[in-house]
Amino acid sequence: MQETVTLAHGAGGKQTSELIEKVFRAHFENPHFTPDDAALLDIPAGRLAMSTDGFIVSPAFFPGGNIGKLSICGTVNDLACMGAQPLYMTCAFVIEEGFPMDRLEEIAAAMEKTAAEAGVCIVAGDTKVAGKGQVDGVFITTTAVGRVMDGVCTGGALAKPGDCVIVTGDVGRHGCTILLARDEYGIEADVTSDCAPLWAAVQNALTDAPGIHVIRDATRGGVGTVLYEIAGQSNVGFSLEAEKIPVDPGVRGVCGMLGLEPLYLACEGRLVIIAPEKDRDAVLEALRRSPHTEGAVCIGRVTSDHPGRVVLNTEIGAQTILPQPGNELLPRIC
């Protein structure tokens, strides 16, 4: 008989201790991991960045990852966008009664592996068990702190006309993967999530080009939404070359069938980087020799024209305004 999570596992007694020891401590053990009420940590000199994120993705398992891997990548990538090396992380689980224990173990193992790749220590956490039907399987919230590299200052309000716009690989793959995994449209395509931790790539890029102005991870809402956010913050426009925007053939095919725009599909392992034109080659070279960003390309420029707008220059020489995102973005990934 398959072992499952029961309400007793969240009651704070013997079963809770067993769950923590057999699943979470077994995968998260490190010198900073604590059984006490709070972790005691060394604070590095310099500035700290801190981020928290909740993950309720459905389905929890998808080609290229699961909610556990996603919960690590999403938060450490937020720190990386501020030029911060991830150091410490906490995680909170809300688990539905009846959730298979082996699947929970699979999630914890993915978190262990991804945290090790990202160089972050999981130091504390919390576990709650909700009644049947109150939670869709498992929800995870992660919070992390990191040390900002010296001399680095990135932010959405810092884009300047003449800057280059770089994406670190093909766009829209995670959103397309989740859409297909739900099997609501009967479409089959060989598409795998791009979910990945990106600190190593950011560190390489900032080491070679510390003057990078903006780094954003193109998660919910995709690259298009990120560019509109930056355009509003910096009061600039964007001019993109449509033929240079990398899209996986499978993603392009699915988008063509469903009338979706790849620029508005979520990524979980892609960054939008805006840097001075003089740093373009250095940034691209650093990214292309880094894990998960080998496909980095420059797709356009920041412009003082049409502030607040994103313009696409098409393959036939025409210009079109990328529609501003609104209402519900599909597929909803969280």
Protein backbone atom coordinates (compact mmCIF):
# COMPACT_ATOMS: atom_id res chain seq x y z
CA MET A 1 0.00 0.00 0.00
CA GLN A 2 1.35 3.42 -0.97
CA GLU A 3 2.36 5.62 1.96
CA THR A 4 0.72 9.05 1.94
CA VAL A 5 0.84 12.25 3.95
CA THR A 6 -1.80 12.29 6.70
CA LEU A 7 -3.15 15.05 8.90
CA ALA A 8 -1.08 13.58 11.72
CA HIS A 9 2.07 14.52 9.80
CA GLY A 10 1.13 18.16 10.32
CA ALA A 11 0.01 17.92 13.94
CA GLY A 12 3.42 18.59 15.46
CA GLY A 13 3.87 15.22 17.14
CA LYS A 14 5.78 12.03 16.41
CA GLN A 15 4.65 11.76 12.78
CA THR A 16 5.70 15.35 12.08
CA SER A 17 9.15 14.66 13.46
CA GLU A 18 9.41 11.50 11.39
CA LEU A 19 8.40 13.37 8.22
CA ILE A 20 10.99 16.08 8.83
CA GLU A 21 13.74 13.57 9.62
CA LYS A 22 13.01 11.05 6.85
CA VAL A 23 12.24 13.48 4.04
CA PHE A 24 13.39 17.04 4.67
CA ARG A 25 16.45 16.65 6.92
CA ALA A 26 17.58 13.71 4.81
CA HIS A 27 17.78 15.97 1.76
CA PHE A 28 18.46 19.41 3.25
CA GLU A 29 21.12 18.59 5.87
CA ASN A 30 24.00 21.09 5.98
CA PRO A 31 25.99 22.84 8.74
CA HIS A 32 23.40 25.64 8.92
CA PHE A 33 20.25 23.47 8.95
CA THR A 34 18.59 23.76 12.36
CA PRO A 35 15.98 21.87 14.38
CA ASP A 36 15.54 24.97 16.55
CA ASP A 37 13.02 27.76 16.09
CA ALA A 38 15.34 29.87 13.93
CA ALA A 39 18.66 29.45 12.16
CA LEU A 40 21.67 31.40 13.38
CA LEU A 41 23.69 32.62 10.43
CA ASP A 42 26.86 34.55 9.72
CA ILE A 43 26.21 37.87 7.98
CA PRO A 44 28.68 38.74 5.21
CA ALA A 45 30.01 42.25 4.81
CA GLY A 46 28.30 44.37 2.19
CA ARG A 47 24.70 44.70 0.99
CA LEU A 48 22.13 41.92 1.26
CA ALA A 49 19.28 41.12 -1.12
CA MET A 50 16.22 39.21 0.06
CA SER A 51 13.32 37.67 -1.85
CA THR A 52 10.34 35.43 -1.16
CA ASP A 53 8.09 33.56 -3.56
CA GLY A 54 5.16 31.14 -3.43
CA PHE A 55 4.79 28.19 -5.80
CA ILE A 56 1.43 26.56 -6.56
CA VAL A 57 2.14 25.23 -10.03
CA SER A 58 -0.26 22.67 -11.50
CA PRO A 59 0.73 20.03 -12.39
CA ALA A 60 3.44 19.79 -9.76
CA PHE A 61 5.51 17.50 -12.01
CA PHE A 62 6.29 18.44 -15.61
CA PRO A 63 8.90 17.67 -18.27
CA GLY A 64 12.13 19.25 -17.12
CA GLY A 65 11.34 19.59 -13.44
CA ASN A 66 8.84 19.73 -10.61
CA ILE A 67 7.58 22.21 -8.06
CA GLY A 68 10.59 21.52 -5.85
CA LYS A 69 13.16 22.44 -8.48
CA LEU A 70 11.02 25.43 -9.44
CA SER A 71 10.85 26.69 -5.85
CA ILE A 72 14.63 26.91 -5.65
CA CYS A 73 15.19 28.35 -9.13
CA GLY A 74 12.50 31.01 -8.84
CA THR A 75 13.86 32.53 -5.65
CA VAL A 76 17.61 32.29 -6.29
CA ASN A 77 17.06 33.78 -9.75
CA ASP A 78 15.28 36.75 -8.17
CA LEU A 79 18.38 37.36 -6.06
CA ALA A 80 20.65 36.90 -9.07
CA CYS A 81 18.75 39.64 -10.90
CA MET A 82 19.93 42.05 -8.20
CA GLY A 83 23.51 40.85 -8.56
CA ALA A 84 23.31 38.84 -5.35
CA GLN A 85 24.95 35.50 -4.65
CA PRO A 86 22.36 33.28 -2.93
CA LEU A 87 23.49 32.20 0.55
CA TYR A 88 20.63 31.01 2.76
CA MET A 89 17.07 29.85 2.12
CA THR A 90 14.02 28.82 4.12
CA CYS A 91 11.10 26.85 2.77
CA ALA A 92 7.52 26.29 3.90
CA PHE A 93 5.37 23.40 2.70
CA VAL A 94 1.59 23.15 2.70
CA ILE A 95 0.78 19.55 1.77
CA GLU A 96 -2.61 18.07 0.97
CA GLU A 97 -3.72 15.12 3.04
CA GLY A 98 -3.22 11.97 0.94
CA PHE A 99 -0.27 13.32 -1.07
CA PRO A 100 2.00 10.36 -1.96
CA MET A 101 5.08 10.22 0.26
CA ASP A 102 7.31 9.05 -2.60
CA ARG A 103 6.30 12.10 -4.65
CA LEU A 104 7.11 14.37 -1.71
CA GLU A 105 10.51 12.68 -1.49
CA GLU A 106 11.01 13.29 -5.21
CA ILE A 107 10.27 17.00 -4.68
CA ALA A 108 12.71 17.22 -1.76
CA ALA A 109 15.41 15.46 -3.80
CA ALA A 110 14.96 17.96 -6.63
CA MET A 111 15.29 20.82 -4.16
CA GLU A 112 18.46 19.29 -2.73
CA LYS A 113 20.05 18.91 -6.16
CA THR A 114 19.06 22.38 -7.37
CA ALA A 115 20.12 24.11 -4.15
CA ALA A 116 23.54 22.46 -4.43
CA GLU A 117 23.91 23.70 -8.02
CA ALA A 118 22.83 27.21 -6.99
CA GLY A 119 25.17 27.23 -3.98
CA VAL A 120 22.42 28.06 -1.49
CA CYS A 121 21.91 26.39 1.92
CA ILE A 122 18.39 25.51 3.05
CA VAL A 123 18.59 26.41 6.74
CA ALA A 124 15.05 26.22 8.13
CA GLY A 125 11.46 25.56 7.16
CA ASP A 126 7.89 24.79 8.13
CA THR A 127 5.46 21.99 7.32
CA LYS A 128 1.68 22.15 7.38
CA VAL A 129 -0.82 19.51 6.24
CA ALA A 130 -4.19 20.68 4.90
CA GLY A 131 -7.34 18.61 4.64
CA LYS A 132 -8.27 16.79 1.45
CA GLY A 133 -9.30 19.29 -1.21
CA GLN A 134 -7.98 22.35 0.62
CA VAL A 135 -4.69 22.34 -1.33
CA ASP A 136 -3.88 21.16 -4.84
CA GLY A 137 -1.24 18.60 -3.89
CA VAL A 138 1.54 20.71 -2.45
CA PHE A 139 2.35 24.41 -2.20
CA ILE A 140 5.85 25.67 -1.41
CA THR A 141 7.03 29.09 -0.28
CA THR A 142 10.75 29.88 -0.30
CA THR A 143 12.63 32.88 1.05
CA ALA A 144 16.31 33.53 0.40
CA VAL A 145 18.99 36.08 1.19
CA GLY A 146 22.16 36.77 -0.74
CA ARG A 147 25.14 39.09 -0.85
CA VAL A 148 25.18 41.72 -3.60
CA MET A 149 28.41 41.85 -5.59
CA ASP A 150 30.51 44.92 -4.89
CA GLY A 151 29.99 47.77 -7.35
CA VAL A 152 26.85 46.28 -8.87
CA CYS A 153 23.59 48.22 -9.12
CA THR A 154 20.75 46.84 -11.25
CA GLY A 155 17.10 47.86 -11.41
CA GLY A 156 14.16 48.33 -13.73
CA ALA A 157 14.48 52.11 -13.67
CA LEU A 158 18.04 52.11 -15.02
CA ALA A 159 17.52 51.27 -18.72
CA LYS A 160 18.88 53.98 -21.03
CA PRO A 161 18.33 54.74 -24.74
CA GLY A 162 21.01 53.00 -26.79
CA ASP A 163 21.29 50.02 -24.43
CA CYS A 164 21.14 46.56 -25.94
CA VAL A 165 18.45 44.02 -24.99
CA ILE A 166 19.68 40.47 -24.44
CA VAL A 167 17.75 37.29 -23.72
CA THR A 168 19.67 34.33 -22.40
CA GLY A 169 17.97 31.67 -24.53
CA ASP A 170 14.79 30.64 -26.30
CA VAL A 171 11.63 32.11 -24.80
CA GLY A 172 8.30 30.75 -23.62
CA ARG A 173 9.31 27.16 -23.01
CA HIS A 174 8.18 26.80 -19.40
CA GLY A 175 4.72 28.23 -20.03
CA CYS A 176 4.28 26.00 -23.06
CA THR A 177 5.42 22.96 -21.07
CA ILE A 178 2.88 23.58 -18.31
CA LEU A 179 0.14 24.14 -20.86
CA LEU A 180 0.89 20.81 -22.55
CA ALA A 181 1.27 18.97 -19.24
CA ARG A 182 -2.31 19.88 -18.35
CA ASP A 183 -3.46 18.09 -21.51
CA GLU A 184 -6.42 20.42 -22.01
CA TYR A 185 -5.98 20.79 -25.77
CA GLY A 186 -4.90 17.30 -26.87
CA ILE A 187 -1.68 18.67 -28.36
CA GLU A 188 1.53 16.66 -28.27
CA ALA A 189 4.90 18.38 -28.70
CA ASP A 190 8.45 17.70 -27.57
CA VAL A 191 8.80 20.67 -25.22
CA THR A 192 10.70 20.70 -21.92
CA SER A 193 10.75 23.41 -19.27
CA ASP A 194 13.77 25.72 -19.19
CA CYS A 195 13.68 25.76 -15.37
CA ALA A 196 17.24 26.36 -14.11
CA PRO A 197 19.23 28.28 -11.47
CA LEU A 198 21.08 31.18 -13.09
CA TRP A 199 23.42 32.69 -10.50
CA ALA A 200 26.59 31.30 -12.13
CA ALA A 201 25.69 32.93 -15.43
CA VAL A 202 24.84 36.26 -13.80
CA GLN A 203 28.06 36.22 -11.79
CA ASN A 204 30.09 35.67 -14.96
CA ALA A 205 28.26 38.43 -16.81
CA LEU A 206 28.62 40.96 -13.98
CA THR A 207 32.28 40.08 -13.47
CA ASP A 208 33.00 40.89 -17.12
CA ALA A 209 30.52 43.78 -17.37
CA PRO A 210 29.70 45.22 -13.93
CA GLY A 211 27.88 48.15 -15.56
CA ILE A 212 24.85 46.07 -16.61
CA HIS A 213 21.76 48.22 -16.02
CA VAL A 214 18.87 45.75 -15.70
CA ILE A 215 18.51 42.01 -15.10
CA ARG A 216 15.06 40.45 -14.89
CA ASP A 217 13.89 36.85 -14.95
CA ALA A 218 11.07 36.44 -17.42
CA THR A 219 8.75 34.32 -15.31
CA ARG A 220 5.00 34.99 -15.10
CA GLY A 221 4.06 37.03 -18.16
CA GLY A 222 7.24 36.23 -20.06
CA VAL A 223 9.69 38.51 -21.84
CA GLY A 224 6.98 40.80 -23.21
CA THR A 225 5.59 41.64 -19.79
CA VAL A 226 9.10 42.22 -18.40
CA LEU A 227 9.89 44.68 -21.20
CA TYR A 228 6.68 46.61 -20.63
CA GLU A 229 7.45 46.81 -16.91
CA ILE A 230 10.94 48.14 -17.58
CA ALA A 231 9.63 50.56 -20.21
CA GLY A 232 7.30 52.03 -17.60
CA GLN A 233 9.93 52.20 -14.86
CA SER A 234 12.61 53.79 -17.08
CA ASN A 235 10.28 55.81 -19.33
CA VAL A 236 11.85 54.34 -22.47
CA GLY A 237 10.75 52.34 -25.47
CA PHE A 238 12.01 49.10 -26.95
CA SER A 239 12.75 48.23 -30.55
CA LEU A 240 13.02 44.47 -31.11
CA GLU A 241 14.06 42.49 -34.18
CA ALA A 242 11.45 39.77 -34.57
CA GLU A 243 13.71 37.38 -36.50
CA LYS A 244 16.32 37.47 -33.70
CA ILE A 245 13.93 36.39 -30.92
CA PRO A 246 14.76 32.71 -30.24
CA VAL A 247 11.77 30.39 -30.01
CA ASP A 248 11.92 26.60 -29.82
CA PRO A 249 10.22 25.03 -32.88
CA GLY A 250 7.86 23.05 -30.66
CA VAL A 251 6.84 26.17 -28.77
CA ARG A 252 6.37 28.06 -32.01
CA GLY A 253 4.12 25.30 -33.35
CA VAL A 254 1.94 25.19 -30.24
CA CYS A 255 1.64 28.97 -30.19
CA GLY A 256 0.66 28.96 -33.86
CA MET A 257 -2.14 26.45 -33.21
CA LEU A 258 -3.50 28.25 -30.15
CA GLY A 259 -2.91 31.86 -31.18
CA LEU A 260 -0.48 32.57 -28.33
CA GLU A 261 2.47 34.98 -28.37
CA PRO A 262 5.73 33.29 -27.23
CA LEU A 263 6.91 36.58 -25.74
CA TYR A 264 4.08 36.34 -23.20
CA LEU A 265 4.70 32.72 -22.18
CA ALA A 266 6.54 32.21 -18.91
CA CYS A 267 10.19 31.26 -18.67
CA GLU A 268 11.83 29.82 -15.55
CA GLY A 269 15.42 29.76 -16.77
CA ARG A 270 15.68 32.86 -18.95
CA LEU A 271 16.81 36.39 -18.17
CA VAL A 272 16.29 39.72 -19.86
CA ILE A 273 19.51 41.71 -19.57
CA ILE A 274 19.80 45.36 -20.55
CA ALA A 275 23.37 46.63 -20.83
CA PRO A 276 25.28 49.51 -22.42
CA GLU A 277 26.04 48.84 -26.07
CA LYS A 278 29.78 48.91 -25.34
CA ASP A 279 29.33 45.91 -23.02
CA ARG A 280 27.20 43.83 -25.39
CA ASP A 281 29.93 41.48 -26.63
CA ALA A 282 31.38 40.98 -23.15
CA VAL A 283 27.97 40.09 -21.73
CA LEU A 284 27.16 37.70 -24.57
CA GLU A 285 30.52 35.96 -24.32
CA ALA A 286 30.17 35.54 -20.56
CA LEU A 287 26.66 34.13 -20.89
CA ARG A 288 27.55 31.76 -23.72
CA ARG A 289 30.25 30.10 -21.64
CA SER A 290 27.93 29.74 -18.62
CA PRO A 291 25.50 26.95 -17.76
CA HIS A 292 21.90 27.36 -18.98
CA THR A 293 22.59 30.58 -20.97
CA GLU A 294 24.55 29.24 -23.94
CA GLY A 295 21.85 30.50 -26.32
CA ALA A 296 22.10 34.17 -25.32
CA VAL A 297 21.39 36.67 -28.13
CA CYS A 298 20.80 40.38 -28.55
CA ILE A 299 17.22 40.93 -29.75
CA GLY A 300 16.96 44.73 -29.87
CA ARG A 301 17.66 48.13 -28.40
CA VAL A 302 16.33 50.59 -25.87
CA THR A 303 15.06 53.75 -27.55
CA SER A 304 13.86 57.19 -26.54
CA ASP A 305 11.13 56.88 -29.16
CA HIS A 306 7.62 55.68 -28.20
CA PRO A 307 8.31 55.57 -24.41
CA GLY A 308 6.30 52.90 -22.67
CA ARG A 309 5.92 50.85 -25.86
CA VAL A 310 7.55 47.73 -27.29
CA VAL A 311 7.88 47.77 -31.08
CA LEU A 312 8.61 44.70 -33.20
CA ASN A 313 10.48 45.10 -36.48
CA THR A 314 9.21 42.24 -38.60
CA GLU A 315 11.06 40.08 -41.11
CA ILE A 316 9.42 41.95 -44.01
CA GLY A 317 10.56 45.38 -42.80
CA ALA A 318 7.31 46.47 -41.17
CA GLN A 319 6.87 47.71 -37.62
CA THR A 320 4.18 46.62 -35.22
CA ILE A 321 3.51 47.43 -31.58
CA LEU A 322 3.58 44.40 -29.31
CA PRO A 323 0.18 44.52 -27.58
CA GLN A 324 0.47 45.45 -23.94
CA PRO A 325 -0.40 42.49 -21.69
CA GLY A 326 -3.76 42.64 -19.98
CA ASN A 327 -6.48 40.52 -18.45
CA GLU A 328 -5.57 36.85 -17.83
CA LEU A 329 -2.29 35.64 -19.32
CA LEU A 330 -2.46 32.04 -20.52
CA PRO A 331 -1.50 29.54 -19.41
CA ARG A 332 -1.73 30.68 -15.81
CA ILE A 333 1.28 29.02 -14.18
CA CYS A 334 0.67 29.95 -10.55
